[in-house]
């Protein structure tokens, strides 16, 4: 049983790391992409708008797809699409071609992320779920810690190599681990999206997740450019700075684990409030490189705790519709990249990093409203046939 739990956790960690690697690869090399393809940094940041929108849409369909092909096959298909999208991104000859490649990347992210989070519950024994989830959720910060410096180093040669070195390689590695898992019967994974959204608390919770992810995603998309333009850092140095910030995400994820079951609402509100203040300070006040690194590290720590609180809440909202709930959460995450990149890019273009900081602070502040909003009485979803 112990070996089986570890194997499941390692497989899902690898899948989530691959998914996150495709999300963060743009961050250190965004200025290089903008210069090479002759667009502004704000415009280049909209590449995450494209992939976020597609990822959100595919995540919502994950439950229906799993009902046809099974969870292992769904996750494997997502990783395959992710690998193809990364390869196409590496050879895209124009900004339009790169945007189309990001649509493929987004589809792969949406499917693989929602499938991996749902599998933490489906493939683990009830007593092991929280431990498997906590380990699996270390995949995204691992993608930062390892991937950011690698992207920075290879980005010194070409931003195109970054797509091969990080997301393509990690997607293939996760696929190898996944191939060892047994197939999942499709009928056992049925999920009705209408039933999920109609379940008590799901819509309210997902609205908070969307707003919080929008603030966090907007921070991630433009932080690399902030460090480059504010302190004239090289691409390699920027990758190491962002990777260092990711190190602090891990203790944020682990530290708050002991309180997520009994104080999830307090964590969702308190951590979002603190993150909003920190994001605004990071963009508005940049007296030194070390101050900005410290502020980004605090933001990463807070985001790690809030992400765990939101994920844990997802697994308890509607146990009979778990795959549908995790699909909604993944959609909120990816649409958060869409909203965060769009609002952040508009604010950056209109008022520079001051505008970006205000926009991020407002998004995080808005994320505290749904958890505080009085819950409406609602009938639980009927059992699925």
Protein backbone atom coordinates (compact mmCIF):
# COMPACT_ATOMS: atom_id res chain seq x y z
CA UNK A 1 0.00 0.00 0.00
CA UNK A 2 2.85 2.36 0.90
CA UNK A 3 4.58 1.64 -2.41
CA UNK A 4 1.32 2.14 -4.29
CA UNK A 5 0.70 5.49 -2.59
CA UNK A 6 4.18 6.68 -3.40
CA UNK A 7 3.88 5.56 -7.02
CA UNK A 8 0.59 7.42 -7.43
CA UNK A 9 1.99 10.55 -5.77
CA UNK A 10 5.14 10.47 -7.94
CA UNK A 11 3.13 10.04 -11.14
CA UNK A 12 0.76 12.89 -10.34
CA UNK A 13 3.61 15.12 -9.17
CA UNK A 14 5.31 14.58 -12.54
CA UNK A 15 2.08 15.32 -14.45
CA UNK A 16 1.43 18.53 -12.54
CA UNK A 17 5.08 19.55 -12.95
CA UNK A 18 4.78 19.12 -16.72
CA UNK A 19 1.56 21.13 -16.77
CA UNK A 20 3.09 23.94 -14.73
CA UNK A 21 6.28 23.91 -16.78
CA UNK A 22 4.22 24.81 -19.84
CA UNK A 23 2.67 27.67 -17.86
CA UNK A 24 5.88 29.26 -16.57
CA UNK A 25 8.22 28.79 -19.53
CA UNK A 26 7.16 32.16 -20.96
CA UNK A 27 8.04 34.16 -17.85
CA UNK A 28 11.84 34.56 -18.08
CA UNK A 29 11.90 34.76 -21.90
CA UNK A 30 8.91 37.04 -22.49
CA UNK A 31 11.09 40.06 -23.40
CA UNK A 32 13.09 37.92 -25.88
CA UNK A 33 9.91 36.61 -27.51
CA UNK A 34 8.56 40.15 -27.81
CA UNK A 35 11.78 41.43 -29.39
CA UNK A 36 12.21 38.45 -31.74
CA UNK A 37 8.61 38.53 -33.00
CA UNK A 38 8.40 42.35 -33.04
CA UNK A 39 5.58 42.86 -30.53
CA UNK A 40 5.37 44.67 -27.18
CA UNK A 41 5.85 42.84 -23.89
CA UNK A 42 2.20 43.53 -23.01
CA UNK A 43 1.16 41.94 -26.31
CA UNK A 44 3.47 38.97 -25.84
CA UNK A 45 1.93 38.41 -22.41
CA UNK A 46 -1.37 37.72 -24.14
CA UNK A 47 0.03 34.37 -25.24
CA UNK A 48 -1.05 33.23 -21.79
CA UNK A 49 -4.47 34.67 -22.54
CA UNK A 50 -4.77 32.29 -25.49
CA UNK A 51 -3.58 29.19 -23.66
CA UNK A 52 -5.53 30.12 -20.52
CA UNK A 53 -8.81 30.45 -22.39
CA UNK A 54 -8.37 27.11 -24.18
CA UNK A 55 -7.19 25.38 -21.01
CA UNK A 56 -10.21 26.61 -19.11
CA UNK A 57 -12.61 25.35 -21.78
CA UNK A 58 -10.98 21.90 -22.00
CA UNK A 59 -10.86 21.57 -18.21
CA UNK A 60 -14.63 22.01 -18.06
CA UNK A 61 -14.98 19.15 -20.55
CA UNK A 62 -12.60 16.86 -18.67
CA UNK A 63 -15.37 15.06 -16.80
CA UNK A 64 -17.24 14.21 -20.00
CA UNK A 65 -14.03 13.07 -21.69
CA UNK A 66 -13.10 10.82 -18.77
CA UNK A 67 -16.55 9.26 -18.92
CA UNK A 68 -15.67 8.06 -22.43
CA UNK A 69 -12.01 7.11 -22.23
CA UNK A 70 -11.06 6.76 -18.56
CA UNK A 71 -8.91 8.89 -16.27
CA UNK A 72 -5.51 7.38 -17.13
CA UNK A 73 -6.18 7.71 -20.83
CA UNK A 74 -7.47 11.27 -20.33
CA UNK A 75 -4.32 12.26 -18.45
CA UNK A 76 -2.09 10.58 -21.03
CA UNK A 77 -3.87 12.36 -23.86
CA UNK A 78 -3.40 15.70 -22.11
CA UNK A 79 0.33 15.09 -21.71
CA UNK A 80 0.62 14.10 -25.39
CA UNK A 81 -1.14 17.27 -26.54
CA UNK A 82 1.08 19.28 -24.21
CA UNK A 83 4.20 17.75 -25.75
CA UNK A 84 3.03 18.45 -29.31
CA UNK A 85 2.10 22.05 -28.46
CA UNK A 86 5.51 22.61 -26.90
CA UNK A 87 7.28 21.25 -29.98
CA UNK A 88 5.21 23.44 -32.30
CA UNK A 89 5.90 26.49 -30.10
CA UNK A 90 9.63 25.90 -30.47
CA UNK A 91 9.49 26.24 -34.26
CA UNK A 92 6.71 28.87 -34.63
CA UNK A 93 7.83 31.34 -37.33
CA UNK A 94 5.57 34.24 -36.26
CA UNK A 95 3.60 35.59 -33.33
CA UNK A 96 0.35 34.31 -34.85
CA UNK A 97 1.83 30.83 -35.27
CA UNK A 98 3.06 30.88 -31.69
CA UNK A 99 -0.40 31.93 -30.49
CA UNK A 100 -1.94 28.98 -32.36
CA UNK A 101 0.65 26.64 -30.80
CA UNK A 102 -0.33 28.03 -27.39
CA UNK A 103 -3.88 26.89 -28.06
CA UNK A 104 -2.55 23.31 -28.21
CA UNK A 105 -0.50 23.89 -25.07
CA UNK A 106 -3.60 25.22 -23.33
CA UNK A 107 -5.65 22.15 -24.24
CA UNK A 108 -2.91 19.90 -22.87
CA UNK A 109 -2.68 21.90 -19.66
CA UNK A 110 -6.42 21.91 -19.06
CA UNK A 111 -6.78 18.17 -19.49
CA UNK A 112 -3.62 17.09 -17.65
CA UNK A 113 -4.04 19.42 -14.66
CA UNK A 114 -7.69 18.60 -13.94
CA UNK A 115 -7.06 14.88 -14.51
CA UNK A 116 -4.09 14.82 -12.16
CA UNK A 117 -5.89 16.59 -9.29
CA UNK A 118 -8.92 14.30 -9.65
CA UNK A 119 -6.63 11.25 -9.72
CA UNK A 120 -5.24 12.22 -6.31
CA UNK A 121 -8.63 11.22 -4.92
CA UNK A 122 -9.58 8.47 -7.38
CA UNK A 123 -6.29 6.56 -7.20
CA UNK A 124 -5.49 6.94 -3.51
CA UNK A 125 -7.16 5.27 -0.53
CA UNK A 126 -9.40 7.64 1.49
CA UNK A 127 -6.88 7.83 4.33
CA UNK A 128 -4.05 8.69 1.93
CA UNK A 129 -5.76 11.39 -0.15
CA UNK A 130 -4.49 14.44 1.74
CA UNK A 131 -0.91 13.15 1.68
CA UNK A 132 -1.06 12.23 -2.00
CA UNK A 133 -2.57 15.62 -2.84
CA UNK A 134 0.07 17.49 -0.85
CA UNK A 135 2.88 15.62 -2.62
CA UNK A 136 1.26 16.00 -6.06
CA UNK A 137 0.86 19.76 -5.53
CA UNK A 138 4.63 20.02 -5.12
CA UNK A 139 4.81 19.40 -8.88
CA UNK A 140 4.08 23.03 -9.87
CA UNK A 141 6.73 24.59 -7.59
CA UNK A 142 9.18 21.88 -8.68
CA UNK A 143 8.61 23.03 -12.25
CA UNK A 144 9.55 26.54 -11.13
CA UNK A 145 12.55 25.56 -9.04
CA UNK A 146 14.09 23.38 -11.74
CA UNK A 147 12.45 24.80 -14.83
CA UNK A 148 13.00 28.53 -14.31
CA UNK A 149 16.80 28.36 -14.10
CA UNK A 150 16.90 25.93 -17.05
CA UNK A 151 14.68 28.22 -19.12
CA UNK A 152 16.87 31.16 -18.17
CA UNK A 153 20.06 29.39 -19.18
CA UNK A 154 18.86 28.00 -22.50
CA UNK A 155 17.00 31.25 -23.14
CA UNK A 156 20.36 32.97 -23.36
CA UNK A 157 20.83 30.95 -26.56
CA UNK A 158 17.24 31.04 -27.83
CA UNK A 159 13.78 31.23 -26.27
CA UNK A 160 12.77 28.43 -28.64
CA UNK A 161 15.04 25.94 -26.89
CA UNK A 162 13.19 26.59 -23.65
CA UNK A 163 10.10 24.81 -25.01
CA UNK A 164 12.15 21.70 -25.74
CA UNK A 165 14.23 21.71 -22.57
CA UNK A 166 11.41 22.07 -20.06
CA UNK A 167 7.74 21.39 -20.97
CA UNK A 168 8.38 18.90 -23.78
CA UNK A 169 10.89 16.91 -21.74
CA UNK A 170 8.77 16.93 -18.58
CA UNK A 171 5.61 15.89 -20.46
CA UNK A 172 7.43 12.89 -21.93
CA UNK A 173 8.82 11.91 -18.51
CA UNK A 174 5.36 12.12 -16.91
CA UNK A 175 3.92 10.03 -19.73
CA UNK A 176 6.46 7.27 -19.06
CA UNK A 177 5.42 7.11 -15.39
CA UNK A 178 1.74 7.21 -16.29
CA UNK A 179 2.10 4.25 -18.66
CA UNK A 180 2.68 2.04 -15.61
CA UNK A 181 -0.73 2.85 -14.16
CA UNK A 182 -3.70 0.54 -14.82
CA UNK A 183 -6.53 1.78 -17.00
CA UNK A 184 -9.55 3.36 -15.27
CA UNK A 185 -13.07 2.22 -16.19
CA UNK A 186 -14.78 5.17 -17.91
CA UNK A 187 -18.19 4.60 -16.31
CA UNK A 188 -16.77 5.15 -12.82
CA UNK A 189 -15.74 8.72 -13.66
CA UNK A 190 -18.96 10.21 -14.94
CA UNK A 191 -19.51 13.88 -14.12
CA UNK A 192 -22.38 16.23 -14.97
CA UNK A 193 -21.22 19.85 -15.23
CA UNK A 194 -24.68 21.23 -14.48
CA UNK A 195 -24.92 19.10 -11.37
CA UNK A 196 -21.47 20.26 -10.28
CA UNK A 197 -22.22 23.97 -10.66
CA UNK A 198 -25.61 23.50 -9.02
CA UNK A 199 -24.14 21.81 -5.95
CA UNK A 200 -24.14 23.90 -2.78
CA UNK A 201 -21.16 26.25 -2.60
CA UNK A 202 -19.41 25.21 -5.82
CA UNK A 203 -20.24 28.30 -7.89
CA UNK A 204 -19.33 30.64 -5.03
CA UNK A 205 -16.08 28.80 -4.33
CA UNK A 206 -15.11 28.72 -8.03
CA UNK A 207 -15.65 32.50 -8.32
CA UNK A 208 -13.15 33.04 -5.52
CA UNK A 209 -10.69 30.67 -7.17
CA UNK A 210 -11.00 32.52 -10.49
CA UNK A 211 -10.30 35.90 -8.91
CA UNK A 212 -7.38 34.63 -6.81
CA UNK A 213 -5.83 32.78 -9.73
CA UNK A 214 -6.23 35.89 -11.87
CA UNK A 215 -4.16 37.87 -9.40
CA UNK A 216 -1.53 35.16 -9.08
CA UNK A 217 -1.37 34.48 -12.82
CA UNK A 218 -1.05 38.16 -13.61
CA UNK A 219 1.88 38.27 -11.20
CA UNK A 220 3.58 35.27 -12.80
CA UNK A 221 3.15 36.43 -16.39
CA UNK A 222 4.80 39.81 -15.87
CA UNK A 223 7.25 39.27 -13.00
CA UNK A 224 10.07 38.20 -15.32
CA UNK A 225 9.66 41.38 -17.35
CA UNK A 226 9.54 43.45 -14.15
CA UNK A 227 12.91 42.12 -13.01
CA UNK A 228 14.46 42.54 -16.46
CA UNK A 229 13.24 46.09 -16.99
CA UNK A 230 13.71 47.29 -13.40
CA UNK A 231 17.16 45.86 -12.73
CA UNK A 232 18.53 45.07 -16.22
CA UNK A 233 18.91 41.38 -15.37
CA UNK A 234 19.92 38.83 -17.97
CA UNK A 235 17.55 36.07 -18.99
CA UNK A 236 19.58 33.53 -17.00
CA UNK A 237 19.61 35.69 -13.87
CA UNK A 238 15.87 36.28 -14.17
CA UNK A 239 15.28 32.53 -14.36
CA UNK A 240 17.25 31.98 -11.16
CA UNK A 241 15.40 34.80 -9.39
CA UNK A 242 12.02 33.33 -10.27
CA UNK A 243 13.23 29.84 -9.37
CA UNK A 244 14.38 31.09 -5.97
CA UNK A 245 10.95 32.58 -5.36
CA UNK A 246 9.43 29.20 -6.14
CA UNK A 247 11.43 27.60 -3.36
CA UNK A 248 9.32 29.54 -0.88
CA UNK A 249 6.12 28.23 -2.46
CA UNK A 250 6.90 24.74 -1.08
CA UNK A 251 6.87 25.63 2.65
CA UNK A 252 3.77 27.73 1.99
CA UNK A 253 2.11 24.62 0.57
CA UNK A 254 3.24 22.37 3.42
CA UNK A 255 2.92 24.72 6.39
CA UNK A 256 -0.78 25.45 5.97
CA UNK A 257 -1.71 21.80 5.36
CA UNK A 258 -2.41 21.25 9.07
CA UNK A 259 -5.12 23.93 9.07
CA UNK A 260 -6.86 23.47 5.71
CA UNK A 261 -9.51 21.05 6.97
CA UNK A 262 -10.68 23.13 9.94
CA UNK A 263 -9.89 26.72 8.87
CA UNK A 264 -10.17 26.75 5.10
CA UNK A 265 -12.35 29.88 4.93
CA UNK A 266 -9.98 31.84 7.17
CA UNK A 267 -7.03 30.79 5.01
CA UNK A 268 -8.81 31.62 1.74
CA UNK A 269 -9.59 35.14 2.96
CA UNK A 270 -6.44 35.90 4.94
CA UNK A 271 -3.93 34.61 2.41
CA UNK A 272 -5.65 36.38 -0.51
CA UNK A 273 -5.65 39.66 1.43
CA UNK A 274 -1.97 39.36 2.26
CA UNK A 275 -1.13 38.36 -1.33
CA UNK A 276 -2.92 41.42 -2.71
CA UNK A 277 -0.97 43.76 -0.47
CA UNK A 278 2.30 42.03 -1.33
CA UNK A 279 1.67 42.08 -5.09
CA UNK A 280 0.91 45.80 -4.96
CA UNK A 281 4.05 46.52 -2.93
CA UNK A 282 6.15 44.42 -5.32
CA UNK A 283 5.07 46.47 -8.34
CA UNK A 284 4.78 49.92 -6.77
CA UNK A 285 7.97 49.97 -4.67
CA UNK A 286 11.24 48.73 -6.15
CA UNK A 287 14.07 50.30 -4.13
CA UNK A 288 16.48 47.42 -4.77
CA UNK A 289 16.80 44.02 -6.40
CA UNK A 290 16.92 42.25 -3.04
CA UNK A 291 13.76 44.01 -1.85
CA UNK A 292 11.91 42.85 -4.96
CA UNK A 293 13.22 39.29 -4.60
CA UNK A 294 12.04 39.25 -0.97
CA UNK A 295 8.61 40.61 -1.94
CA UNK A 296 8.21 38.05 -4.72
CA UNK A 297 9.22 35.28 -2.30
CA UNK A 298 6.56 36.38 0.21
CA UNK A 299 3.97 36.45 -2.58
CA UNK A 300 4.99 32.93 -3.63
CA UNK A 301 4.74 31.68 -0.03
CA UNK A 302 1.24 33.10 0.34
CA UNK A 303 0.17 31.68 -3.02
CA UNK A 304 1.39 28.22 -2.00
CA UNK A 305 -0.81 28.24 1.08
CA UNK A 306 -3.86 29.59 -0.70
CA UNK A 307 -3.56 27.09 -3.56
CA UNK A 308 -3.52 24.20 -1.11
CA UNK A 309 -6.54 25.60 0.76
CA UNK A 310 -8.49 25.96 -2.48
CA UNK A 311 -7.52 22.47 -3.68
CA UNK A 312 -8.46 20.85 -0.39
CA UNK A 313 -11.79 22.63 -0.43
CA UNK A 314 -12.41 21.30 -3.95
CA UNK A 315 -12.06 17.67 -2.88
CA UNK A 316 -14.61 18.10 -0.07
CA UNK A 317 -17.30 20.15 -1.80
CA UNK A 318 -19.01 17.34 -3.74
CA UNK A 319 -17.34 13.94 -3.28
CA UNK A 320 -19.69 12.19 -5.71
CA UNK A 321 -18.82 14.76 -8.41
CA UNK A 322 -15.13 15.12 -7.64
CA UNK A 323 -13.84 15.02 -11.21
CA UNK A 324 -16.34 17.68 -12.24
CA UNK A 325 -15.33 19.90 -9.32
CA UNK A 326 -11.63 19.58 -10.10
CA UNK A 327 -12.42 20.35 -13.72
CA UNK A 328 -14.18 23.55 -12.64
CA UNK A 329 -11.23 24.43 -10.44
CA UNK A 330 -8.75 23.87 -13.26
CA UNK A 331 -10.94 25.98 -15.52
CA UNK A 332 -10.87 28.74 -12.89
CA UNK A 333 -7.08 28.45 -12.71
CA UNK A 334 -6.61 28.63 -16.46
CA UNK A 335 -9.23 31.30 -17.02
CA UNK A 336 -7.37 33.13 -14.27
CA UNK A 337 -4.40 33.25 -16.63
CA UNK A 338 -6.73 34.59 -19.29
CA UNK A 339 -8.14 37.29 -16.98
CA UNK A 340 -4.85 38.01 -15.21
CA UNK A 341 -2.87 38.35 -18.44
CA UNK A 342 -5.58 40.49 -20.06
CA UNK A 343 -6.14 42.83 -17.11
CA UNK A 344 -2.46 42.88 -16.17
CA UNK A 345 -1.41 43.60 -19.75
CA UNK A 346 -3.96 46.41 -20.08
CA UNK A 347 -2.90 47.93 -16.75
CA UNK A 348 0.78 47.62 -17.65
CA UNK A 349 0.24 49.24 -21.03
CA UNK A 350 -1.81 52.09 -19.54
CA UNK A 351 0.11 52.93 -16.36
CA UNK A 352 3.27 50.82 -16.26
CA UNK A 353 4.10 48.66 -13.26
CA UNK A 354 2.22 50.99 -10.94
CA UNK A 355 -0.96 50.17 -12.84
CA UNK A 356 -0.09 46.47 -12.79
CA UNK A 357 0.37 46.51 -9.00
CA UNK A 358 -2.99 48.19 -8.44
CA UNK A 359 -4.74 45.75 -10.77
CA UNK A 360 -3.23 42.71 -9.05
CA UNK A 361 -4.11 44.05 -5.61
CA UNK A 362 -7.74 44.58 -6.67
CA UNK A 363 -8.00 41.04 -8.07
CA UNK A 364 -6.71 39.47 -4.86
CA UNK A 365 -8.97 41.70 -2.76
CA UNK A 366 -11.99 40.66 -4.83
CA UNK A 367 -11.10 36.99 -4.19
CA UNK A 368 -11.88 37.47 -0.49
CA UNK A 369 -15.55 38.29 -1.19
CA UNK A 370 -16.92 34.83 -2.25
CA UNK A 371 -15.62 32.98 0.85
CA UNK A 372 -17.22 35.65 3.05
CA UNK A 373 -20.52 35.75 1.16
CA UNK A 374 -23.34 34.01 3.05
CA UNK A 375 -24.00 30.55 1.66
CA UNK A 376 -27.42 29.90 0.15
CA UNK A 377 -29.34 26.79 0.97
CA UNK A 378 -29.14 24.26 -1.83
CA UNK A 379 -30.00 20.65 -2.30
CA UNK A 380 -27.05 18.34 -2.77
CA UNK A 381 -26.55 16.88 -6.20
CA UNK A 382 -28.36 13.65 -6.85
CA UNK A 383 -26.22 10.53 -7.09
CA UNK A 384 -25.05 9.81 -10.59
CA UNK A 385 -26.35 6.72 -12.33
